[in-house]
């Protein structure tokens, strides 16, 4: 999997620091736990959909034992024509069940390095998620930052949409399409989510929608909106229910209700 995970160059440069265990994710996770117990810090590059296979090992052989691992989660999110077996939409839900897990989901390439450095400094299970393909573009210069949470206002905001990763581009389009004043909030660190900062940015909104390119059950949106509702905010989630179908990313996003057009309709009618 060196080529598939983009590690062929690393393998050539650092042959003594590269281990290819083949398509054996369960073994890879336990192997990483062993490396950690010996004083090393393993970075495990794995496709999101195949990380599902080694959840038990991450939980019992790494986290429970007090060991550290950095997961480089490739193909995070929808993967277009790779098909339903390869959509990376379950990893966040699974990782949310691991105590003290730290997860970042950057929207831009230049965010990868600082996020990786934070993962390396973390004691325990950490993960850096990145999608297949390039960045989905939007005007990031229009976004302000508060405690590592990014936000932009379109008009005088009365409703709010929260998201993370590349889906920010669709949410940004939705904000400009819906015909209402909208605040777009982007999370960089998604686990644990910064509920206090998000609350401070959304407390005056009539309606809050969390859009997530992942499964609804156990996702960040489910956890964060539950926290907001306890504080009196009208909050809902737009996420994937069941298995995402085969198709282009644009077609699948529209089918599961996460395209800019579908999100704009929700915001307009809220």
C-alpha atoms as a PDB file:
ATOM      1  CA  UNK A   1       0.000   0.000   0.000  1.00  0.00           C
ATOM      2  CA  UNK A   2       3.013   2.323  -0.203  1.00  0.00           C
ATOM      3  CA  UNK A   3       1.856   3.773  -3.526  1.00  0.00           C
ATOM      4  CA  UNK A   4      -1.809   3.963  -2.536  1.00  0.00           C
ATOM      5  CA  UNK A   5      -1.062   5.898   0.642  1.00  0.00           C
ATOM      6  CA  UNK A   6       1.585   8.107  -0.981  1.00  0.00           C
ATOM      7  CA  UNK A   7       4.483   6.671   1.015  1.00  0.00           C
ATOM      8  CA  UNK A   8       6.632   5.318  -1.808  1.00  0.00           C
ATOM      9  CA  UNK A   9       9.012   8.266  -1.539  1.00  0.00           C
ATOM     10  CA  UNK A  10       9.240   7.914   2.254  1.00  0.00           C
ATOM     11  CA  UNK A  11       9.997   4.217   1.840  1.00  0.00           C
ATOM     12  CA  UNK A  12      12.950   5.061  -0.407  1.00  0.00           C
ATOM     13  CA  UNK A  13      14.292   7.813   1.856  1.00  0.00           C
ATOM     14  CA  UNK A  14      13.824   6.056   5.200  1.00  0.00           C
ATOM     15  CA  UNK A  15      13.814   2.284   4.616  1.00  0.00           C
ATOM     16  CA  UNK A  16      14.521   1.523   8.296  1.00  0.00           C
ATOM     17  CA  UNK A  17      11.489   3.522   9.399  1.00  0.00           C
ATOM     18  CA  UNK A  18       8.992   2.073   6.945  1.00  0.00           C
ATOM     19  CA  UNK A  19       6.968  -1.101   7.521  1.00  0.00           C
ATOM     20  CA  UNK A  20       4.543  -2.481   4.948  1.00  0.00           C
ATOM     21  CA  UNK A  21       2.346  -5.144   6.552  1.00  0.00           C
ATOM     22  CA  UNK A  22       0.181  -5.562   3.476  1.00  0.00           C
ATOM     23  CA  UNK A  23      -3.584  -5.375   3.612  1.00  0.00           C
ATOM     24  CA  UNK A  24      -3.696  -6.449   7.256  1.00  0.00           C
ATOM     25  CA  UNK A  25      -5.073  -3.473   9.147  1.00  0.00           C
ATOM     26  CA  UNK A  26      -5.802  -5.390  12.363  1.00  0.00           C
ATOM     27  CA  UNK A  27      -2.190  -6.538  12.555  1.00  0.00           C
ATOM     28  CA  UNK A  28      -0.947  -3.049  11.647  1.00  0.00           C
ATOM     29  CA  UNK A  29      -2.782  -1.454  14.579  1.00  0.00           C
ATOM     30  CA  UNK A  30      -1.500  -4.010  17.098  1.00  0.00           C
ATOM     31  CA  UNK A  31       1.990  -3.712  15.603  1.00  0.00           C
ATOM     32  CA  UNK A  32       1.784   0.051  16.178  1.00  0.00           C
ATOM     33  CA  UNK A  33       0.801  -0.578  19.781  1.00  0.00           C
ATOM     34  CA  UNK A  34       3.908  -2.715  20.177  1.00  0.00           C
ATOM     35  CA  UNK A  35       6.118  -0.055  18.616  1.00  0.00           C
ATOM     36  CA  UNK A  36       4.661   2.541  20.976  1.00  0.00           C
ATOM     37  CA  UNK A  37       5.285   0.346  24.006  1.00  0.00           C
ATOM     38  CA  UNK A  38       8.922   0.148  22.890  1.00  0.00           C
ATOM     39  CA  UNK A  39       9.284   3.917  22.889  1.00  0.00           C
ATOM     40  CA  UNK A  40       8.535   4.720  19.250  1.00  0.00           C
ATOM     41  CA  UNK A  41       5.729   6.849  17.829  1.00  0.00           C
ATOM     42  CA  UNK A  42       4.052   4.992  14.949  1.00  0.00           C
ATOM     43  CA  UNK A  43       2.191   6.817  12.191  1.00  0.00           C
ATOM     44  CA  UNK A  44      -0.280   4.453  10.551  1.00  0.00           C
ATOM     45  CA  UNK A  45      -1.335   5.510   7.020  1.00  0.00           C
ATOM     46  CA  UNK A  46      -4.641   3.828   6.213  1.00  0.00           C
ATOM     47  CA  UNK A  47      -7.714   4.350   4.055  1.00  0.00           C
ATOM     48  CA  UNK A  48     -10.724   5.421   6.103  1.00  0.00           C
ATOM     49  CA  UNK A  49     -12.851   2.499   4.974  1.00  0.00           C
ATOM     50  CA  UNK A  50     -10.153  -0.030   5.958  1.00  0.00           C
ATOM     51  CA  UNK A  51      -9.560   1.586   9.346  1.00  0.00           C
ATOM     52  CA  UNK A  52     -12.957   0.178  10.270  1.00  0.00           C
ATOM     53  CA  UNK A  53     -11.429  -3.298  10.362  1.00  0.00           C
ATOM     54  CA  UNK A  54      -9.014  -2.476  13.177  1.00  0.00           C
ATOM     55  CA  UNK A  55     -11.264  -0.598  15.593  1.00  0.00           C
ATOM     56  CA  UNK A  56     -10.956  -3.315  18.244  1.00  0.00           C
ATOM     57  CA  UNK A  57      -7.156  -3.231  18.061  1.00  0.00           C
ATOM     58  CA  UNK A  58      -7.073   0.568  18.277  1.00  0.00           C
ATOM     59  CA  UNK A  59      -9.334   0.464  21.307  1.00  0.00           C
ATOM     60  CA  UNK A  60      -7.899  -2.509  23.208  1.00  0.00           C
ATOM     61  CA  UNK A  61      -4.263  -2.815  22.031  1.00  0.00           C
ATOM     62  CA  UNK A  62      -3.448   0.890  21.804  1.00  0.00           C
ATOM     63  CA  UNK A  63      -5.819   3.167  23.738  1.00  0.00           C
ATOM     64  CA  UNK A  64      -6.526   0.885  26.697  1.00  0.00           C
ATOM     65  CA  UNK A  65      -2.828   0.128  27.085  1.00  0.00           C
ATOM     66  CA  UNK A  66      -1.949   3.840  27.274  1.00  0.00           C
ATOM     67  CA  UNK A  67      -0.007   3.733  24.001  1.00  0.00           C
ATOM     68  CA  UNK A  68       0.157   6.413  21.294  1.00  0.00           C
ATOM     69  CA  UNK A  69      -0.531   6.245  17.591  1.00  0.00           C
ATOM     70  CA  UNK A  70      -1.069   8.797  14.824  1.00  0.00           C
ATOM     71  CA  UNK A  71      -3.549   7.724  12.164  1.00  0.00           C
ATOM     72  CA  UNK A  72      -3.134   9.249   8.714  1.00  0.00           C
ATOM     73  CA  UNK A  73      -6.656   8.626   7.453  1.00  0.00           C
ATOM     74  CA  UNK A  74      -6.683   8.763   3.660  1.00  0.00           C
ATOM     75  CA  UNK A  75      -9.837   8.806   1.521  1.00  0.00           C
ATOM     76  CA  UNK A  76     -11.763  10.445   4.368  1.00  0.00           C
ATOM     77  CA  UNK A  77     -15.237  11.301   3.099  1.00  0.00           C
ATOM     78  CA  UNK A  78     -16.868  10.397  -0.180  1.00  0.00           C
ATOM     79  CA  UNK A  79     -14.641   8.854  -2.842  1.00  0.00           C
ATOM     80  CA  UNK A  80     -16.786   9.151  -5.951  1.00  0.00           C
ATOM     81  CA  UNK A  81     -16.388   6.364  -8.451  1.00  0.00           C
ATOM     82  CA  UNK A  82     -14.387   4.146  -6.078  1.00  0.00           C
ATOM     83  CA  UNK A  83     -17.832   3.074  -4.943  1.00  0.00           C
ATOM     84  CA  UNK A  84     -19.807   2.307  -1.755  1.00  0.00           C
ATOM     85  CA  UNK A  85     -17.151   0.006  -0.262  1.00  0.00           C
ATOM     86  CA  UNK A  86     -14.590   2.823  -0.265  1.00  0.00           C
ATOM     87  CA  UNK A  87     -16.572   5.805   1.009  1.00  0.00           C
ATOM     88  CA  UNK A  88     -14.784   7.012   4.145  1.00  0.00           C
ATOM     89  CA  UNK A  89     -17.825   7.982   6.196  1.00  0.00           C
ATOM     90  CA  UNK A  90     -17.615   5.783   9.299  1.00  0.00           C
ATOM     91  CA  UNK A  91     -14.207   6.631  10.774  1.00  0.00           C
ATOM     92  CA  UNK A  92     -15.297   9.693  12.778  1.00  0.00           C
ATOM     93  CA  UNK A  93     -18.169   7.809  14.372  1.00  0.00           C
ATOM     94  CA  UNK A  94     -15.833   4.976  15.358  1.00  0.00           C
ATOM     95  CA  UNK A  95     -13.062   7.219  16.676  1.00  0.00           C
ATOM     96  CA  UNK A  96     -15.554   9.200  18.742  1.00  0.00           C
ATOM     97  CA  UNK A  97     -15.952   6.101  20.907  1.00  0.00           C
ATOM     98  CA  UNK A  98     -12.258   5.965  21.862  1.00  0.00           C
ATOM     99  CA  UNK A  99     -11.557   7.881  25.087  1.00  0.00           C
ATOM    100  CA  UNK A 100      -9.353  10.975  24.664  1.00  0.00           C
ATOM    101  CA  UNK A 101      -9.048  10.552  20.883  1.00  0.00           C
ATOM    102  CA  UNK A 102      -7.845  13.674  19.074  1.00  0.00           C
ATOM    103  CA  UNK A 103      -8.977  14.155  15.459  1.00  0.00           C
ATOM    104  CA  UNK A 104      -8.329  16.924  12.936  1.00  0.00           C
ATOM    105  CA  UNK A 105     -10.029  17.361   9.568  1.00  0.00           C
ATOM    106  CA  UNK A 106      -8.283  20.137   7.592  1.00  0.00           C
ATOM    107  CA  UNK A 107      -9.843  21.864   4.617  1.00  0.00           C
ATOM    108  CA  UNK A 108      -6.562  22.986   3.084  1.00  0.00           C
ATOM    109  CA  UNK A 109      -3.186  21.412   2.380  1.00  0.00           C
ATOM    110  CA  UNK A 110      -1.311  24.066   4.346  1.00  0.00           C
ATOM    111  CA  UNK A 111      -3.190  22.983   7.478  1.00  0.00           C
ATOM    112  CA  UNK A 112      -1.867  19.426   7.307  1.00  0.00           C
ATOM    113  CA  UNK A 113       1.558  20.047   8.827  1.00  0.00           C
ATOM    114  CA  UNK A 114       0.459  21.995  11.945  1.00  0.00           C
ATOM    115  CA  UNK A 115      -2.299  19.453  12.563  1.00  0.00           C
ATOM    116  CA  UNK A 116       0.172  16.592  12.213  1.00  0.00           C
ATOM    117  CA  UNK A 117       2.465  18.279  14.730  1.00  0.00           C
ATOM    118  CA  UNK A 118      -0.396  18.459  17.234  1.00  0.00           C
ATOM    119  CA  UNK A 119      -1.164  14.782  16.646  1.00  0.00           C
ATOM    120  CA  UNK A 120       2.476  13.871  17.243  1.00  0.00           C
ATOM    121  CA  UNK A 121       2.446  15.769  20.550  1.00  0.00           C
ATOM    122  CA  UNK A 122      -0.739  14.019  21.717  1.00  0.00           C
ATOM    123  CA  UNK A 123      -0.582  11.113  24.167  1.00  0.00           C
ATOM    124  CA  UNK A 124      -3.007   8.471  22.979  1.00  0.00           C
ATOM    125  CA  UNK A 125      -4.898   7.906  19.743  1.00  0.00           C
ATOM    126  CA  UNK A 126      -4.841  10.824  17.311  1.00  0.00           C
ATOM    127  CA  UNK A 127      -5.880  11.119  13.689  1.00  0.00           C
ATOM    128  CA  UNK A 128      -5.448  13.422  10.722  1.00  0.00           C
ATOM    129  CA  UNK A 129      -8.156  13.041   8.083  1.00  0.00           C
ATOM    130  CA  UNK A 130      -7.707  13.998   4.432  1.00  0.00           C
ATOM    131  CA  UNK A 131      -9.880  13.269   1.380  1.00  0.00           C
ATOM    132  CA  UNK A 132      -9.192  11.812  -1.998  1.00  0.00           C
ATOM    133  CA  UNK A 133      -8.371  14.484  -4.562  1.00  0.00           C
ATOM    134  CA  UNK A 134      -7.526  18.135  -4.123  1.00  0.00           C
ATOM    135  CA  UNK A 135      -8.980  20.990  -2.128  1.00  0.00           C
ATOM    136  CA  UNK A 136     -12.557  22.151  -2.663  1.00  0.00           C
ATOM    137  CA  UNK A 137     -12.091  25.868  -3.116  1.00  0.00           C
ATOM    138  CA  UNK A 138     -13.818  28.749  -1.395  1.00  0.00           C
ATOM    139  CA  UNK A 139     -12.671  32.187  -0.213  1.00  0.00           C
ATOM    140  CA  UNK A 140     -10.911  31.280   3.016  1.00  0.00           C
ATOM    141  CA  UNK A 141      -9.674  34.858   3.359  1.00  0.00           C
ATOM    142  CA  UNK A 142     -13.215  35.898   4.310  1.00  0.00           C
ATOM    143  CA  UNK A 143     -13.071  33.718   7.431  1.00  0.00           C
ATOM    144  CA  UNK A 144     -12.127  34.917  10.890  1.00  0.00           C
ATOM    145  CA  UNK A 145     -10.725  32.682  13.627  1.00  0.00           C
ATOM    146  CA  UNK A 146     -11.674  32.231  17.270  1.00  0.00           C
ATOM    147  CA  UNK A 147      -9.889  29.634  19.394  1.00  0.00           C
ATOM    148  CA  UNK A 148      -9.107  27.527  16.347  1.00  0.00           C
ATOM    149  CA  UNK A 149     -12.681  27.709  15.030  1.00  0.00           C
ATOM    150  CA  UNK A 150     -13.220  29.566  11.738  1.00  0.00           C
ATOM    151  CA  UNK A 151     -16.309  31.527  10.739  1.00  0.00           C
ATOM    152  CA  UNK A 152     -17.647  33.878   8.063  1.00  0.00           C
ATOM    153  CA  UNK A 153     -20.827  35.958   7.928  1.00  0.00           C
ATOM    154  CA  UNK A 154     -22.913  36.484   4.817  1.00  0.00           C
ATOM    155  CA  UNK A 155     -25.218  39.395   5.547  1.00  0.00           C
ATOM    156  CA  UNK A 156     -26.500  39.852   9.084  1.00  0.00           C
ATOM    157  CA  UNK A 157     -26.591  36.254  10.297  1.00  0.00           C
ATOM    158  CA  UNK A 158     -29.837  34.836  11.614  1.00  0.00           C
ATOM    159  CA  UNK A 159     -29.117  31.166  10.892  1.00  0.00           C
ATOM    160  CA  UNK A 160     -25.890  29.211  11.091  1.00  0.00           C
ATOM    161  CA  UNK A 161     -24.325  26.207   9.364  1.00  0.00           C
ATOM    162  CA  UNK A 162     -21.439  24.308  10.973  1.00  0.00           C
ATOM    163  CA  UNK A 163     -19.172  21.841   9.215  1.00  0.00           C
ATOM    164  CA  UNK A 164     -15.594  20.653   8.817  1.00  0.00           C
ATOM    165  CA  UNK A 165     -13.123  19.643   6.136  1.00  0.00           C
ATOM    166  CA  UNK A 166     -13.736  20.091   2.441  1.00  0.00           C
ATOM    167  CA  UNK A 167     -17.537  20.205   2.892  1.00  0.00           C
ATOM    168  CA  UNK A 168     -16.996  23.815   3.970  1.00  0.00           C
ATOM    169  CA  UNK A 169     -16.955  24.695   0.275  1.00  0.00           C
ATOM    170  CA  UNK A 170     -20.496  23.370  -0.180  1.00  0.00           C
ATOM    171  CA  UNK A 171     -21.694  25.070   3.010  1.00  0.00           C
ATOM    172  CA  UNK A 172     -20.133  28.345   1.872  1.00  0.00           C
ATOM    173  CA  UNK A 173     -22.019  28.107  -1.421  1.00  0.00           C
ATOM    174  CA  UNK A 174     -25.224  27.229   0.436  1.00  0.00           C
ATOM    175  CA  UNK A 175     -24.883  30.330   2.597  1.00  0.00           C
ATOM    176  CA  UNK A 176     -24.717  32.519  -0.501  1.00  0.00           C
ATOM    177  CA  UNK A 177     -27.575  30.724  -2.227  1.00  0.00           C
ATOM    178  CA  UNK A 178     -30.210  30.570   0.500  1.00  0.00           C
ATOM    179  CA  UNK A 179     -31.199  34.251   0.521  1.00  0.00           C
ATOM    180  CA  UNK A 180     -30.833  34.723   4.286  1.00  0.00           C
ATOM    181  CA  UNK A 181     -28.145  36.086   6.567  1.00  0.00           C
ATOM    182  CA  UNK A 182     -25.924  33.086   7.381  1.00  0.00           C
ATOM    183  CA  UNK A 183     -22.904  32.415   9.550  1.00  0.00           C
ATOM    184  CA  UNK A 184     -20.690  29.554   8.362  1.00  0.00           C
ATOM    185  CA  UNK A 185     -18.584  27.897  11.068  1.00  0.00           C
ATOM    186  CA  UNK A 186     -15.734  25.521  10.225  1.00  0.00           C
ATOM    187  CA  UNK A 187     -14.155  23.190  12.738  1.00  0.00           C
ATOM    188  CA  UNK A 188     -10.533  22.158  12.313  1.00  0.00           C
ATOM    189  CA  UNK A 189     -10.298  19.981  15.407  1.00  0.00           C
ATOM    190  CA  UNK A 190     -13.396  17.814  15.303  1.00  0.00           C
ATOM    191  CA  UNK A 191     -12.734  15.500  18.248  1.00  0.00           C
ATOM    192  CA  UNK A 192     -13.134  16.632  20.894  1.00  0.00           C
ATOM    193  CA  UNK A 193     -15.224  19.479  19.440  1.00  0.00           C
ATOM    194  CA  UNK A 194     -14.877  22.903  21.033  1.00  0.00           C
ATOM    195  CA  UNK A 195     -18.481  23.182  22.170  1.00  0.00           C
ATOM    196  CA  UNK A 196     -17.949  26.389  24.152  1.00  0.00           C
ATOM    197  CA  UNK A 197     -16.503  28.332  21.218  1.00  0.00           C
ATOM    198  CA  UNK A 198     -19.170  27.014  18.857  1.00  0.00           C
ATOM    199  CA  UNK A 199     -21.850  28.008  21.357  1.00  0.00           C
ATOM    200  CA  UNK A 200     -20.430  31.516  21.616  1.00  0.00           C
ATOM    201  CA  UNK A 201     -20.601  31.853  17.833  1.00  0.00           C
ATOM    202  CA  UNK A 202     -24.087  30.394  17.406  1.00  0.00           C
ATOM    203  CA  UNK A 203     -26.017  31.342  20.562  1.00  0.00           C
ATOM    204  CA  UNK A 204     -27.882  34.232  18.913  1.00  0.00           C
ATOM    205  CA  UNK A 205     -28.975  32.265  15.837  1.00  0.00           C
ATOM    206  CA  UNK A 206     -32.584  31.254  15.179  1.00  0.00           C
ATOM    207  CA  UNK A 207     -31.451  27.931  13.734  1.00  0.00           C
ATOM    208  CA  UNK A 208     -28.208  25.947  13.557  1.00  0.00           C
ATOM    209  CA  UNK A 209     -27.513  23.190  11.019  1.00  0.00           C
ATOM    210  CA  UNK A 210     -24.505  20.891  11.316  1.00  0.00           C
ATOM    211  CA  UNK A 211     -23.523  19.460   7.912  1.00  0.00           C
ATOM    212  CA  UNK A 212     -21.295  16.383   8.046  1.00  0.00           C
ATOM    213  CA  UNK A 213     -19.747  14.321   5.258  1.00  0.00           C
ATOM    214  CA  UNK A 214     -20.075  11.202   7.360  1.00  0.00           C
ATOM    215  CA  UNK A 215     -22.526   8.903   9.047  1.00  0.00           C
ATOM    216  CA  UNK A 216     -25.059  10.568  11.337  1.00  0.00           C
ATOM    217  CA  UNK A 217     -24.963   8.051  14.206  1.00  0.00           C
ATOM    218  CA  UNK A 218     -22.066   8.846  16.513  1.00  0.00           C
ATOM    219  CA  UNK A 219     -20.782  11.666  14.341  1.00  0.00           C
ATOM    220  CA  UNK A 220     -19.531  15.063  15.427  1.00  0.00           C
ATOM    221  CA  UNK A 221     -22.804  16.676  14.420  1.00  0.00           C
ATOM    222  CA  UNK A 222     -24.850  14.402  16.661  1.00  0.00           C
ATOM    223  CA  UNK A 223     -22.645  15.155  19.660  1.00  0.00           C
ATOM    224  CA  UNK A 224     -22.295  18.878  19.088  1.00  0.00           C
ATOM    225  CA  UNK A 225     -25.948  19.606  18.340  1.00  0.00           C
ATOM    226  CA  UNK A 226     -26.989  17.641  21.423  1.00  0.00           C
ATOM    227  CA  UNK A 227     -24.778  19.963  23.465  1.00  0.00           C
ATOM    228  CA  UNK A 228     -26.220  23.054  21.766  1.00  0.00           C
ATOM    229  CA  UNK A 229     -29.808  21.896  22.291  1.00  0.00           C
ATOM    230  CA  UNK A 230     -29.134  21.460  26.006  1.00  0.00           C
ATOM    231  CA  UNK A 231     -28.214  25.148  26.021  1.00  0.00           C
ATOM    232  CA  UNK A 232     -31.447  26.162  24.328  1.00  0.00           C
ATOM    233  CA  UNK A 233     -30.333  26.378  20.687  1.00  0.00           C
ATOM    234  CA  UNK A 234     -32.529  25.030  17.878  1.00  0.00           C
ATOM    235  CA  UNK A 235     -30.009  22.727  16.176  1.00  0.00           C
ATOM    236  CA  UNK A 236     -30.243  19.928  13.626  1.00  0.00           C
ATOM    237  CA  UNK A 237     -27.918  17.656  11.624  1.00  0.00           C
ATOM    238  CA  UNK A 238     -27.576  17.011   7.899  1.00  0.00           C
ATOM    239  CA  UNK A 239     -25.506  13.849   7.504  1.00  0.00           C
ATOM    240  CA  UNK A 240     -25.456  10.455   5.829  1.00  0.00           C
ATOM    241  CA  UNK A 241     -27.994   7.829   6.887  1.00  0.00           C
ATOM    242  CA  UNK A 242     -27.135   4.286   5.836  1.00  0.00           C
ATOM    243  CA  UNK A 243     -24.683   3.487   3.052  1.00  0.00           C
ATOM    244  CA  UNK A 244     -23.735   6.147   0.517  1.00  0.00           C
ATOM    245  CA  UNK A 245     -24.336   5.019  -3.088  1.00  0.00           C
ATOM    246  CA  UNK A 246     -21.991   4.801  -6.046  1.00  0.00           C
ATOM    247  CA  UNK A 247     -21.577   7.906  -8.181  1.00  0.00           C
ATOM    248  CA  UNK A 248     -19.582  11.079  -8.584  1.00  0.00           C
ATOM    249  CA  UNK A 249     -19.022  13.104  -5.436  1.00  0.00           C
ATOM    250  CA  UNK A 250     -21.374  15.786  -6.723  1.00  0.00           C
ATOM    251  CA  UNK A 251     -24.155  13.267  -7.404  1.00  0.00           C
ATOM    252  CA  UNK A 252     -23.724  11.484  -4.075  1.00  0.00           C
ATOM    253  CA  UNK A 253     -23.671  14.750  -2.126  1.00  0.00           C
ATOM    254  CA  UNK A 254     -26.963  15.720  -3.718  1.00  0.00           C
ATOM    255  CA  UNK A 255     -28.473  12.280  -3.072  1.00  0.00           C
ATOM    256  CA  UNK A 256     -27.635  12.372   0.646  1.00  0.00           C
ATOM    257  CA  UNK A 257     -28.708  16.000   1.026  1.00  0.00           C
ATOM    258  CA  UNK A 258     -25.279  17.598   1.410  1.00  0.00           C
ATOM    259  CA  UNK A 259     -24.968  19.525  -1.848  1.00  0.00           C
ATOM    260  CA  UNK A 260     -24.950  23.310  -1.676  1.00  0.00           C
ATOM    261  CA  UNK A 261     -28.402  23.370  -3.269  1.00  0.00           C
ATOM    262  CA  UNK A 262     -29.940  20.961  -0.753  1.00  0.00           C
ATOM    263  CA  UNK A 263     -28.299  22.653   2.227  1.00  0.00           C
ATOM    264  CA  UNK A 264     -29.447  26.066   0.999  1.00  0.00           C
ATOM    265  CA  UNK A 265     -33.052  24.797   0.895  1.00  0.00           C
ATOM    266  CA  UNK A 266     -32.818  23.693   4.530  1.00  0.00           C
ATOM    267  CA  UNK A 267     -31.402  27.045   5.623  1.00  0.00           C
ATOM    268  CA  UNK A 268     -33.958  28.995   3.610  1.00  0.00           C
ATOM    269  CA  UNK A 269     -36.914  27.131   5.104  1.00  0.00           C
ATOM    270  CA  UNK A 270     -35.663  26.899   8.688  1.00  0.00           C
END
